[in-house]
Amino acid sequence: ISDPVVNSIIIQTFGDLEKKKIIESVMNSPKIIYEIIKDCNLPQTSGYRKINVLIDDGFLIPIKFEIKENKRIYRYISIFKNLKIDINSNKITVSVQLNELQQKQCSFLQIITK
């Protein structure tokens, strides 16, 4: 990815240690929000806020849901399988490998391919 706007969003997101922990928590297996917060040892309010920002920004994608007490509870997974950030002089390049199931839903990929 060489789009400076997309790179900036990715770098800012991974610069936030809590958001980074959240993404790493769901890179390999989908989890409900409660499990993510518990695994990352985050305060509930800020944990929900950061997870919702990651969902809105397209970093986390709902893949399935279960119904508990007549409510849909979604499991989320990261769009990334691997991520590498290269900084050479003034040029920043981000290399990503997407989770296969999420490629069609990835808002970053849609931006890049338009």
PDB file of N, CA and C in Angstrom:
ATOM      1  N   ILE A   1       0.864  -1.171   0.000  1.00  0.00           N
ATOM      2  CA  ILE A   1       0.000   0.000   0.000  1.00  0.00           C
ATOM      3  C   ILE A   1       0.900   1.220   0.000  1.00  0.00           C
ATOM      4  N   SER A   2       0.757   2.067  -0.994  1.00  0.00           N
ATOM      5  CA  SER A   2       1.574   3.277  -1.028  1.00  0.00           C
ATOM      6  C   SER A   2       0.725   4.540  -0.929  1.00  0.00           C
ATOM      7  N   ASP A   3      -0.580   4.395  -0.766  1.00  0.00           N
ATOM      8  CA  ASP A   3      -1.475   5.539  -0.590  1.00  0.00           C
ATOM      9  C   ASP A   3      -1.170   6.197   0.757  1.00  0.00           C
ATOM     10  N   PRO A   4      -0.726   7.467   0.752  1.00  0.00           N
ATOM     11  CA  PRO A   4      -0.324   8.116   2.004  1.00  0.00           C
ATOM     12  C   PRO A   4      -1.446   8.243   3.036  1.00  0.00           C
ATOM     13  N   VAL A   5      -2.673   8.412   2.593  1.00  0.00           N
ATOM     14  CA  VAL A   5      -3.795   8.541   3.533  1.00  0.00           C
ATOM     15  C   VAL A   5      -4.039   7.214   4.250  1.00  0.00           C
ATOM     16  N   VAL A   6      -4.075   6.128   3.491  1.00  0.00           N
ATOM     17  CA  VAL A   6      -4.291   4.806   4.078  1.00  0.00           C
ATOM     18  C   VAL A   6      -3.126   4.447   4.996  1.00  0.00           C
ATOM     19  N   ASN A   7      -1.900   4.715   4.539  1.00  0.00           N
ATOM     20  CA  ASN A   7      -0.724   4.442   5.373  1.00  0.00           C
ATOM     21  C   ASN A   7      -0.782   5.210   6.684  1.00  0.00           C
ATOM     22  N   SER A   8      -1.199   6.456   6.626  1.00  0.00           N
ATOM     23  CA  SER A   8      -1.296   7.286   7.829  1.00  0.00           C
ATOM     24  C   SER A   8      -2.292   6.695   8.827  1.00  0.00           C
ATOM     25  N   ILE A   9      -3.431   6.236   8.329  1.00  0.00           N
ATOM     26  CA  ILE A   9      -4.446   5.628   9.202  1.00  0.00           C
ATOM     27  C   ILE A   9      -3.886   4.368   9.861  1.00  0.00           C
ATOM     28  N   ILE A  10      -3.203   3.544   9.083  1.00  0.00           N
ATOM     29  CA  ILE A  10      -2.632   2.304   9.626  1.00  0.00           C
ATOM     30  C   ILE A  10      -1.568   2.611  10.671  1.00  0.00           C
ATOM     31  N   ILE A  11      -0.682   3.548  10.381  1.00  0.00           N
ATOM     32  CA  ILE A  11       0.390   3.893  11.319  1.00  0.00           C
ATOM     33  C   ILE A  11      -0.178   4.483  12.603  1.00  0.00           C
ATOM     34  N   GLN A  12      -1.161   5.367  12.490  1.00  0.00           N
ATOM     35  CA  GLN A  12      -1.784   5.937  13.692  1.00  0.00           C
ATOM     36  C   GLN A  12      -2.456   4.851  14.525  1.00  0.00           C
ATOM     37  N   THR A  13      -3.100   3.920  13.861  1.00  0.00           N
ATOM     38  CA  THR A  13      -3.785   2.842  14.581  1.00  0.00           C
ATOM     39  C   THR A  13      -2.784   1.960  15.313  1.00  0.00           C
ATOM     40  N   PHE A  14      -1.719   1.564  14.638  1.00  0.00           N
ATOM     41  CA  PHE A  14      -0.733   0.700  15.284  1.00  0.00           C
ATOM     42  C   PHE A  14       0.159   1.466  16.256  1.00  0.00           C
ATOM     43  N   GLY A  15       0.130   2.789  16.200  1.00  0.00           N
ATOM     44  CA  GLY A  15       0.841   3.607  17.177  1.00  0.00           C
ATOM     45  C   GLY A  15       0.135   3.637  18.522  1.00  0.00           C
ATOM     46  N   ASP A  16      -1.139   3.311  18.535  1.00  0.00           N
ATOM     47  CA  ASP A  16      -1.916   3.233  19.776  1.00  0.00           C
ATOM     48  C   ASP A  16      -1.775   1.801  20.298  1.00  0.00           C
ATOM     49  N   LEU A  17      -1.078   1.636  21.412  1.00  0.00           N
ATOM     50  CA  LEU A  17      -0.768   0.298  21.916  1.00  0.00           C
ATOM     51  C   LEU A  17      -2.012  -0.534  22.218  1.00  0.00           C
ATOM     52  N   GLU A  18      -3.066   0.107  22.703  1.00  0.00           N
ATOM     53  CA  GLU A  18      -4.291  -0.644  23.000  1.00  0.00           C
ATOM     54  C   GLU A  18      -4.967  -1.128  21.718  1.00  0.00           C
ATOM     55  N   LYS A  19      -5.015  -0.275  20.693  1.00  0.00           N
ATOM     56  CA  LYS A  19      -5.599  -0.699  19.414  1.00  0.00           C
ATOM     57  C   LYS A  19      -4.761  -1.820  18.798  1.00  0.00           C
ATOM     58  N   LYS A  20      -3.445  -1.702  18.929  1.00  0.00           N
ATOM     59  CA  LYS A  20      -2.545  -2.739  18.414  1.00  0.00           C
ATOM     60  C   LYS A  20      -2.827  -4.073  19.112  1.00  0.00           C
ATOM     61  N   LYS A  21      -2.980  -4.039  20.433  1.00  0.00           N
ATOM     62  CA  LYS A  21      -3.301  -5.258  21.196  1.00  0.00           C
ATOM     63  C   LYS A  21      -4.620  -5.873  20.724  1.00  0.00           C
ATOM     64  N   ILE A  22      -5.603  -5.011  20.489  1.00  0.00           N
ATOM     65  CA  ILE A  22      -6.923  -5.482  20.046  1.00  0.00           C
ATOM     66  C   ILE A  22      -6.800  -6.197  18.703  1.00  0.00           C
ATOM     67  N   ILE A  23      -6.113  -5.566  17.752  1.00  0.00           N
ATOM     68  CA  ILE A  23      -5.959  -6.160  16.418  1.00  0.00           C
ATOM     69  C   ILE A  23      -5.210  -7.488  16.513  1.00  0.00           C
ATOM     70  N   GLU A  24      -4.125  -7.507  17.293  1.00  0.00           N
ATOM     71  CA  GLU A  24      -3.357  -8.745  17.446  1.00  0.00           C
ATOM     72  C   GLU A  24      -4.195  -9.848  18.097  1.00  0.00           C
ATOM     73  N   SER A  25      -5.095  -9.460  18.980  1.00  0.00           N
ATOM     74  CA  SER A  25      -5.942 -10.425  19.684  1.00  0.00           C
ATOM     75  C   SER A  25      -6.873 -11.182  18.740  1.00  0.00           C
ATOM     76  N   VAL A  26      -7.265 -10.539  17.645  1.00  0.00           N
ATOM     77  CA  VAL A  26      -8.219 -11.169  16.721  1.00  0.00           C
ATOM     78  C   VAL A  26      -7.629 -11.428  15.336  1.00  0.00           C
ATOM     79  N   MET A  27      -6.308 -11.500  15.240  1.00  0.00           N
ATOM     80  CA  MET A  27      -5.691 -11.786  13.944  1.00  0.00           C
ATOM     81  C   MET A  27      -5.938 -13.219  13.493  1.00  0.00           C
ATOM     82  N   ASN A  28      -5.939 -14.149  14.430  1.00  0.00           N
ATOM     83  CA  ASN A  28      -6.039 -15.561  14.057  1.00  0.00           C
ATOM     84  C   ASN A  28      -7.383 -16.203  14.361  1.00  0.00           C
ATOM     85  N   SER A  29      -8.097 -15.657  15.333  1.00  0.00           N
ATOM     86  CA  SER A  29      -9.385 -16.263  15.668  1.00  0.00           C
ATOM     87  C   SER A  29     -10.388 -15.181  16.045  1.00  0.00           C
ATOM     88  N   PRO A  30     -11.624 -15.322  15.573  1.00  0.00           N
ATOM     89  CA  PRO A  30     -12.649 -14.319  15.873  1.00  0.00           C
ATOM     90  C   PRO A  30     -13.084 -14.380  17.332  1.00  0.00           C
ATOM     91  N   LYS A  31     -13.405 -13.204  17.876  1.00  0.00           N
ATOM     92  CA  LYS A  31     -13.835 -13.116  19.273  1.00  0.00           C
ATOM     93  C   LYS A  31     -14.950 -12.096  19.398  1.00  0.00           C
ATOM     94  N   ILE A  32     -15.769 -12.280  20.450  1.00  0.00           N
ATOM     95  CA  ILE A  32     -16.768 -11.264  20.761  1.00  0.00           C
ATOM     96  C   ILE A  32     -16.066 -10.132  21.510  1.00  0.00           C
ATOM     97  N   ILE A  33     -16.701  -8.971  21.554  1.00  0.00           N
ATOM     98  CA  ILE A  33     -16.078  -7.793  22.155  1.00  0.00           C
ATOM     99  C   ILE A  33     -15.666  -8.052  23.599  1.00  0.00           C
ATOM    100  N   TYR A  34     -16.515  -8.707  24.357  1.00  0.00           N
ATOM    101  CA  TYR A  34     -16.186  -8.988  25.760  1.00  0.00           C
ATOM    102  C   TYR A  34     -14.879  -9.783  25.872  1.00  0.00           C
ATOM    103  N   GLU A  35     -14.698 -10.795  25.007  1.00  0.00           N
ATOM    104  CA  GLU A  35     -13.474 -11.606  25.026  1.00  0.00           C
ATOM    105  C   GLU A  35     -12.251 -10.776  24.651  1.00  0.00           C
ATOM    106  N   ILE A  36     -12.415  -9.877  23.691  1.00  0.00           N
ATOM    107  CA  ILE A  36     -11.303  -9.017  23.274  1.00  0.00           C
ATOM    108  C   ILE A  36     -10.863  -8.142  24.441  1.00  0.00           C
ATOM    109  N   ILE A  37     -11.832  -7.509  25.096  1.00  0.00           N
ATOM    110  CA  ILE A  37     -11.527  -6.626  26.226  1.00  0.00           C
ATOM    111  C   ILE A  37     -10.839  -7.406  27.341  1.00  0.00           C
ATOM    112  N   LYS A  38     -11.333  -8.596  27.616  1.00  0.00           N
ATOM    113  CA  LYS A  38     -10.751  -9.430  28.673  1.00  0.00           C
ATOM    114  C   LYS A  38      -9.332  -9.872  28.298  1.00  0.00           C
ATOM    115  N   ASP A  39      -9.136 -10.353  27.059  1.00  0.00           N
ATOM    116  CA  ASP A  39      -7.815 -10.810  26.610  1.00  0.00           C
ATOM    117  C   ASP A  39      -6.776  -9.693  26.629  1.00  0.00           C
ATOM    118  N   CYS A  40      -7.211  -8.485  26.292  1.00  0.00           N
ATOM    119  CA  CYS A  40      -6.292  -7.346  26.215  1.00  0.00           C
ATOM    120  C   CYS A  40      -6.167  -6.609  27.545  1.00  0.00           C
ATOM    121  N   ASN A  41      -6.939  -7.041  28.533  1.00  0.00           N
ATOM    122  CA  ASN A  41      -6.907  -6.418  29.860  1.00  0.00           C
ATOM    123  C   ASN A  41      -7.173  -4.910  29.776  1.00  0.00           C
ATOM    124  N   LEU A  42      -8.252  -4.552  29.071  1.00  0.00           N
ATOM    125  CA  LEU A  42      -8.609  -3.147  28.866  1.00  0.00           C
ATOM    126  C   LEU A  42      -9.771  -2.751  29.773  1.00  0.00           C
ATOM    127  N   PRO A  43      -9.822  -1.472  30.173  1.00  0.00           N
ATOM    128  CA  PRO A  43     -11.017  -0.993  30.874  1.00  0.00           C
ATOM    129  C   PRO A  43     -12.213  -1.098  29.925  1.00  0.00           C
ATOM    130  N   GLN A  44     -13.375  -1.424  30.467  1.00  0.00           N
ATOM    131  CA  GLN A  44     -14.537  -1.706  29.626  1.00  0.00           C
ATOM    132  C   GLN A  44     -14.937  -0.526  28.740  1.00  0.00           C
ATOM    133  N   THR A  45     -15.048   0.674  29.306  1.00  0.00           N
ATOM    134  CA  THR A  45     -15.522   1.825  28.526  1.00  0.00           C
ATOM    135  C   THR A  45     -14.570   2.168  27.392  1.00  0.00           C
ATOM    136  N   SER A  46     -13.286   2.337  27.698  1.00  0.00           N
ATOM    137  CA  SER A  46     -12.342   2.699  26.640  1.00  0.00           C
ATOM    138  C   SER A  46     -12.130   1.528  25.686  1.00  0.00           C
ATOM    139  N   GLY A  47     -12.231   0.297  26.183  1.00  0.00           N
ATOM    140  CA  GLY A  47     -12.110  -0.868  25.312  1.00  0.00           C
ATOM    141  C   GLY A  47     -13.203  -0.899  24.261  1.00  0.00           C
ATOM    142  N   TYR A  48     -14.456  -0.699  24.685  1.00  0.00           N
ATOM    143  CA  TYR A  48     -15.569  -0.642  23.729  1.00  0.00           C
ATOM    144  C   TYR A  48     -15.375   0.500  22.734  1.00  0.00           C
ATOM    145  N   ARG A  49     -14.934   1.650  23.228  1.00  0.00           N
ATOM    146  CA  ARG A  49     -14.745   2.809  22.358  1.00  0.00           C
ATOM    147  C   ARG A  49     -13.699   2.504  21.281  1.00  0.00           C
ATOM    148  N   LYS A  50     -12.566   1.952  21.687  1.00  0.00           N
ATOM    149  CA  LYS A  50     -11.493   1.674  20.724  1.00  0.00           C
ATOM    150  C   LYS A  50     -11.893   0.574  19.743  1.00  0.00           C
ATOM    151  N   ILE A  51     -12.584  -0.438  20.229  1.00  0.00           N
ATOM    152  CA  ILE A  51     -13.042  -1.503  19.336  1.00  0.00           C
ATOM    153  C   ILE A  51     -14.025  -0.943  18.311  1.00  0.00           C
ATOM    154  N   ASN A  52     -14.935  -0.083  18.737  1.00  0.00           N
ATOM    155  CA  ASN A  52     -15.889   0.519  17.798  1.00  0.00           C
ATOM    156  C   ASN A  52     -15.193   1.396  16.767  1.00  0.00           C
ATOM    157  N   VAL A  53     -14.140   2.100  17.161  1.00  0.00           N
ATOM    158  CA  VAL A  53     -13.367   2.895  16.198  1.00  0.00           C
ATOM    159  C   VAL A  53     -12.708   1.963  15.179  1.00  0.00           C
ATOM    160  N   LEU A  54     -12.140   0.857  15.644  1.00  0.00           N
ATOM    161  CA  LEU A  54     -11.505  -0.103  14.733  1.00  0.00           C
ATOM    162  C   LEU A  54     -12.525  -0.724  13.778  1.00  0.00           C
ATOM    163  N   ILE A  55     -13.729  -0.961  14.257  1.00  0.00           N
ATOM    164  CA  ILE A  55     -14.798  -1.483  13.389  1.00  0.00           C
ATOM    165  C   ILE A  55     -15.170  -0.424  12.350  1.00  0.00           C
ATOM    166  N   ASP A  56     -15.365   0.819  12.797  1.00  0.00           N
ATOM    167  CA  ASP A  56     -15.730   1.910  11.882  1.00  0.00           C
ATOM    168  C   ASP A  56     -14.648   2.158  10.840  1.00  0.00           C
ATOM    169  N   ASP A  57     -13.369   2.031  11.248  1.00  0.00           N
ATOM    170  CA  ASP A  57     -12.252   2.262  10.326  1.00  0.00           C
ATOM    171  C   ASP A  57     -11.990   1.073   9.404  1.00  0.00           C
ATOM    172  N   GLY A  58     -12.656  -0.056   9.653  1.00  0.00           N
ATOM    173  CA  GLY A  58     -12.507  -1.220   8.784  1.00  0.00           C
ATOM    174  C   GLY A  58     -11.413  -2.184   9.186  1.00  0.00           C
ATOM    175  N   PHE A  59     -10.817  -2.018  10.356  1.00  0.00           N
ATOM    176  CA  PHE A  59      -9.763  -2.927  10.804  1.00  0.00           C
ATOM    177  C   PHE A  59     -10.328  -4.234  11.357  1.00  0.00           C
ATOM    178  N   LEU A  60     -11.520  -4.173  11.942  1.00  0.00           N
ATOM    179  CA  LEU A  60     -12.187  -5.361  12.470  1.00  0.00           C
ATOM    180  C   LEU A  60     -13.482  -5.570  11.700  1.00  0.00           C
ATOM    181  N   ILE A  61     -13.751  -6.823  11.367  1.00  0.00           N
ATOM    182  CA  ILE A  61     -14.924  -7.140  10.560  1.00  0.00           C
ATOM    183  C   ILE A  61     -15.722  -8.240  11.257  1.00  0.00           C
ATOM    184  N   PRO A  62     -17.054  -8.057  11.344  1.00  0.00           N
ATOM    185  CA  PRO A  62     -17.873  -9.122  11.935  1.00  0.00           C
ATOM    186  C   PRO A  62     -17.959 -10.299  10.970  1.00  0.00           C
ATOM    187  N   ILE A  63     -17.735 -11.500  11.480  1.00  0.00           N
ATOM    188  CA  ILE A  63     -17.803 -12.649  10.572  1.00  0.00           C
ATOM    189  C   ILE A  63     -18.942 -13.598  10.899  1.00  0.00           C
ATOM    190  N   LYS A  64     -19.356 -13.643  12.145  1.00  0.00           N
ATOM    191  CA  LYS A  64     -20.511 -14.471  12.493  1.00  0.00           C
ATOM    192  C   LYS A  64     -21.099 -13.946  13.787  1.00  0.00           C
ATOM    193  N   PHE A  65     -22.303 -14.381  14.068  1.00  0.00           N
ATOM    194  CA  PHE A  65     -22.932 -13.923  15.301  1.00  0.00           C
ATOM    195  C   PHE A  65     -23.653 -15.070  15.976  1.00  0.00           C
ATOM    196  N   GLU A  66     -23.881 -14.877  17.247  1.00  0.00           N
ATOM    197  CA  GLU A  66     -24.693 -15.819  18.007  1.00  0.00           C
ATOM    198  C   GLU A  66     -25.767 -15.005  18.706  1.00  0.00           C
ATOM    199  N   ILE A  67     -26.851 -15.644  19.031  1.00  0.00           N
ATOM    200  CA  ILE A  67     -27.943 -14.931  19.690  1.00  0.00           C
ATOM    201  C   ILE A  67     -27.969 -15.325  21.162  1.00  0.00           C
ATOM    202  N   LYS A  68     -27.845 -14.321  22.012  1.00  0.00           N
ATOM    203  CA  LYS A  68     -27.931 -14.511  23.460  1.00  0.00           C
ATOM    204  C   LYS A  68     -28.916 -13.496  23.999  1.00  0.00           C
ATOM    205  N   GLU A  69     -29.872 -13.971  24.759  1.00  0.00           N
ATOM    206  CA  GLU A  69     -30.892 -13.103  25.348  1.00  0.00           C
ATOM    207  C   GLU A  69     -31.547 -12.214  24.290  1.00  0.00           C
ATOM    208  N   ASN A  70     -31.882 -12.809  23.153  1.00  0.00           N
ATOM    209  CA  ASN A  70     -32.527 -12.121  22.026  1.00  0.00           C
ATOM    210  C   ASN A  70     -31.690 -10.990  21.438  1.00  0.00           C
ATOM    211  N   LYS A  71     -30.381 -11.035  21.589  1.00  0.00           N
ATOM    212  CA  LYS A  71     -29.486 -10.030  21.006  1.00  0.00           C
ATOM    213  C   LYS A  71     -28.454 -10.735  20.140  1.00  0.00           C
ATOM    214  N   ARG A  72     -28.119 -10.099  19.028  1.00  0.00           N
ATOM    215  CA  ARG A  72     -27.051 -10.614  18.178  1.00  0.00           C
ATOM    216  C   ARG A  72     -25.715 -10.180  18.774  1.00  0.00           C
ATOM    217  N   ILE A  73     -24.862 -11.139  19.012  1.00  0.00           N
ATOM    218  CA  ILE A  73     -23.522 -10.840  19.507  1.00  0.00           C
ATOM    219  C   ILE A  73     -22.542 -11.298  18.430  1.00  0.00           C
ATOM    220  N   TYR A  74     -21.849 -10.327  17.832  1.00  0.00           N
ATOM    221  CA  TYR A  74     -20.953 -10.617  16.719  1.00  0.00           C
ATOM    222  C   TYR A  74     -19.568 -11.023  17.195  1.00  0.00           C
ATOM    223  N   ARG A  75     -18.940 -11.885  16.407  1.00  0.00           N
ATOM    224  CA  ARG A  75     -17.526 -12.214  16.577  1.00  0.00           C
ATOM    225  C   ARG A  75     -16.771 -11.428  15.509  1.00  0.00           C
ATOM    226  N   TYR A  76     -15.680 -10.823  15.912  1.00  0.00           N
ATOM    227  CA  TYR A  76     -14.897  -9.977  15.018  1.00  0.00           C
ATOM    228  C   TYR A  76     -13.526 -10.587  14.774  1.00  0.00           C
ATOM    229  N   ILE A  77     -13.008 -10.317  13.573  1.00  0.00           N
ATOM    230  CA  ILE A  77     -11.659 -10.753  13.228  1.00  0.00           C
ATOM    231  C   ILE A  77     -10.951  -9.593  12.536  1.00  0.00           C
ATOM    232  N   SER A  78      -9.642  -9.571  12.635  1.00  0.00           N
ATOM    233  CA  SER A  78      -8.847  -8.527  11.994  1.00  0.00           C
ATOM    234  C   SER A  78      -8.798  -8.771  10.487  1.00  0.00           C
ATOM    235  N   ILE A  79      -8.722  -7.699   9.724  1.00  0.00           N
ATOM    236  CA  ILE A  79      -8.566  -7.858   8.278  1.00  0.00           C
ATOM    237  C   ILE A  79      -7.153  -8.313   7.937  1.00  0.00           C
ATOM    238  N   PHE A  80      -6.208  -8.083   8.862  1.00  0.00           N
ATOM    239  CA  PHE A  80      -4.806  -8.399   8.593  1.00  0.00           C
ATOM    240  C   PHE A  80      -4.415  -9.785   9.078  1.00  0.00           C
ATOM    241  N   LYS A  81      -3.640 -10.462   8.250  1.00  0.00           N
ATOM    242  CA  LYS A  81      -2.984 -11.692   8.675  1.00  0.00           C
ATOM    243  C   LYS A  81      -1.535 -11.346   9.032  1.00  0.00           C
ATOM    244  N   ASN A  82      -0.925 -10.487   8.235  1.00  0.00           N
ATOM    245  CA  ASN A  82       0.432  -9.977   8.471  1.00  0.00           C
ATOM    246  C   ASN A  82       0.485  -8.524   8.043  1.00  0.00           C
ATOM    247  N   LEU A  83       1.368  -7.762   8.678  1.00  0.00           N
ATOM    248  CA  LEU A  83       1.508  -6.343   8.355  1.00  0.00           C
ATOM    249  C   LEU A  83       2.963  -5.943   8.541  1.00  0.00           C
ATOM    250  N   LYS A  84       3.498  -5.181   7.590  1.00  0.00           N
ATOM    251  CA  LYS A  84       4.886  -4.720   7.665  1.00  0.00           C
ATOM    252  C   LYS A  84       4.921  -3.261   7.228  1.00  0.00           C
ATOM    253  N   ILE A  85       5.569  -2.419   8.035  1.00  0.00           N
ATOM    254  CA  ILE A  85       5.685  -0.997   7.721  1.00  0.00           C
ATOM    255  C   ILE A  85       7.147  -0.695   7.406  1.00  0.00           C
ATOM    256  N   ASP A  86       7.411  -0.144   6.210  1.00  0.00           N
ATOM    257  CA  ASP A  86       8.763   0.254   5.801  1.00  0.00           C
ATOM    258  C   ASP A  86       8.825   1.765   5.684  1.00  0.00           C
ATOM    259  N   ILE A  87       9.846   2.351   6.299  1.00  0.00           N
ATOM    260  CA  ILE A  87      10.057   3.791   6.191  1.00  0.00           C
ATOM    261  C   ILE A  87      11.446   4.002   5.605  1.00  0.00           C
ATOM    262  N   ASN A  88      11.493   4.522   4.380  1.00  0.00           N
ATOM    263  CA  ASN A  88      12.749   4.832   3.702  1.00  0.00           C
ATOM    264  C   ASN A  88      12.727   6.293   3.309  1.00  0.00           C
ATOM    265  N   SER A  89      13.625   7.073   3.898  1.00  0.00           N
ATOM    266  CA  SER A  89      13.666   8.522   3.694  1.00  0.00           C
ATOM    267  C   SER A  89      12.295   9.108   3.991  1.00  0.00           C
ATOM    268  N   ASN A  90      11.653   9.685   2.985  1.00  0.00           N
ATOM    269  CA  ASN A  90      10.339  10.295   3.186  1.00  0.00           C
ATOM    270  C   ASN A  90       9.204   9.417   2.680  1.00  0.00           C
ATOM    271  N   LYS A  91       9.529   8.211   2.250  1.00  0.00           N
ATOM    272  CA  LYS A  91       8.498   7.339   1.685  1.00  0.00           C
ATOM    273  C   LYS A  91       8.132   6.245   2.684  1.00  0.00           C
ATOM    274  N   ILE A  92       6.839   6.118   2.930  1.00  0.00           N
ATOM    275  CA  ILE A  92       6.326   5.094   3.835  1.00  0.00           C
ATOM    276  C   ILE A  92       5.507   4.103   3.014  1.00  0.00           C
ATOM    277  N   THR A  93       5.862   2.835   3.136  1.00  0.00           N
ATOM    278  CA  THR A  93       5.132   1.787   2.441  1.00  0.00           C
ATOM    279  C   THR A  93       4.646   0.769   3.464  1.00  0.00           C
ATOM    280  N   VAL A  94       3.397   0.398   3.338  1.00  0.00           N
ATOM    281  CA  VAL A  94       2.820  -0.609   4.225  1.00  0.00           C
ATOM    282  C   VAL A  94       2.488  -1.835   3.379  1.00  0.00           C
ATOM    283  N   SER A  95       3.031  -2.978   3.787  1.00  0.00           N
ATOM    284  CA  SER A  95       2.734  -4.240   3.108  1.00  0.00           C
ATOM    285  C   SER A  95       1.798  -5.037   4.001  1.00  0.00           C
ATOM    286  N   VAL A  96       0.711  -5.506   3.423  1.00  0.00           N
ATOM    287  CA  VAL A  96      -0.257  -6.264   4.219  1.00  0.00           C
ATOM    288  C   VAL A  96      -0.602  -7.571   3.529  1.00  0.00           C
ATOM    289  N   GLN A  97      -0.865  -8.564   4.348  1.00  0.00           N
ATOM    290  CA  GLN A  97      -1.456  -9.808   3.872  1.00  0.00           C
ATOM    291  C   GLN A  97      -2.786  -9.900   4.594  1.00  0.00           C
ATOM    292  N   LEU A  98      -3.853  -9.932   3.829  1.00  0.00           N
ATOM    293  CA  LEU A  98      -5.186  -9.937   4.416  1.00  0.00           C
ATOM    294  C   LEU A  98      -5.634 -11.352   4.736  1.00  0.00           C
ATOM    295  N   ASN A  99      -6.443 -11.472   5.776  1.00  0.00           N
ATOM    296  CA  ASN A  99      -7.115 -12.737   6.035  1.00  0.00           C
ATOM    297  C   ASN A  99      -8.003 -13.016   4.833  1.00  0.00           C
ATOM    298  N   GLU A 100      -7.951 -14.221   4.303  1.00  0.00           N
ATOM    299  CA  GLU A 100      -8.642 -14.543   3.053  1.00  0.00           C
ATOM    300  C   GLU A 100     -10.132 -14.238   3.082  1.00  0.00           C
ATOM    301  N   LEU A 101     -10.797 -14.584   4.164  1.00  0.00           N
ATOM    302  CA  LEU A 101     -12.247 -14.386   4.234  1.00  0.00           C
ATOM    303  C   LEU A 101     -12.639 -12.917   4.238  1.00  0.00           C
ATOM    304  N   GLN A 102     -11.729 -12.043   4.644  1.00  0.00           N
ATOM    305  CA  GLN A 102     -12.071 -10.645   4.807  1.00  0.00           C
ATOM    306  C   GLN A 102     -11.745  -9.786   3.588  1.00  0.00           C
ATOM    307  N   GLN A 103     -11.121 -10.347   2.578  1.00  0.00           N
ATOM    308  CA  GLN A 103     -10.689  -9.536   1.448  1.00  0.00           C
ATOM    309  C   GLN A 103     -11.836  -8.814   0.756  1.00  0.00           C
ATOM    310  N   LYS A 104     -12.985  -9.434   0.650  1.00  0.00           N
ATOM    311  CA  LYS A 104     -14.120  -8.796  -0.020  1.00  0.00           C
ATOM    312  C   LYS A 104     -14.725  -7.684   0.820  1.00  0.00           C
ATOM    313  N   GLN A 105     -14.587  -7.774   2.150  1.00  0.00           N
ATOM    314  CA  GLN A 105     -15.185  -6.788   3.043  1.00  0.00           C
ATOM    315  C   GLN A 105     -14.213  -5.684   3.438  1.00  0.00           C
ATOM    316  N   CYS A 106     -12.977  -5.786   3.038  1.00  0.00           N
ATOM    317  CA  CYS A 106     -11.944  -4.859   3.491  1.00  0.00           C
ATOM    318  C   CYS A 106     -12.121  -3.480   2.861  1.00  0.00           C
ATOM    319  N   SER A 107     -12.430  -2.476   3.680  1.00  0.00           N
ATOM    320  CA  SER A 107     -12.629  -1.123   3.160  1.00  0.00           C
ATOM    321  C   SER A 107     -11.326  -0.546   2.620  1.00  0.00           C
ATOM    322  N   PHE A 108     -10.172  -0.932   3.176  1.00  0.00           N
ATOM    323  CA  PHE A 108      -8.892  -0.438   2.671  1.00  0.00           C
ATOM    324  C   PHE A 108      -8.646  -0.951   1.262  1.00  0.00           C
ATOM    325  N   LEU A 109      -8.913  -2.226   1.031  1.00  0.00           N
ATOM    326  CA  LEU A 109      -8.705  -2.805  -0.285  1.00  0.00           C
ATOM    327  C   LEU A 109      -9.633  -2.160  -1.300  1.00  0.00           C
ATOM    328  N   GLN A 110     -10.849  -1.840  -0.913  1.00  0.00           N
ATOM    329  CA  GLN A 110     -11.786  -1.183  -1.816  1.00  0.00           C
ATOM    330  C   GLN A 110     -11.286   0.205  -2.190  1.00  0.00           C
ATOM    331  N   ILE A 111     -10.690   0.923  -1.236  1.00  0.00           N
ATOM    332  CA  ILE A 111     -10.148   2.256  -1.515  1.00  0.00           C
ATOM    333  C   ILE A 111      -8.989   2.158  -2.493  1.00  0.00           C
ATOM    334  N   ILE A 112      -8.105   1.189  -2.267  1.00  0.00           N
ATOM    335  CA  ILE A 112      -6.893   1.052  -3.070  1.00  0.00           C
ATOM    336  C   ILE A 112      -7.209   0.621  -4.493  1.00  0.00           C
ATOM    337  N   THR A 113      -8.198  -0.238  -4.667  1.00  0.00           N
ATOM    338  CA  THR A 113      -8.475  -0.778  -5.992  1.00  0.00           C
ATOM    339  C   THR A 113      -9.402   0.097  -6.825  1.00  0.00           C
ATOM    340  N   LYS A 114      -9.935   1.167  -6.242  1.00  0.00           N
ATOM    341  CA  LYS A 114     -10.828   2.054  -7.009  1.00  0.00           C
ATOM    342  C   LYS A 114     -10.038   2.951  -7.925  1.00  0.00           C
TER     343      LYS A 114
END
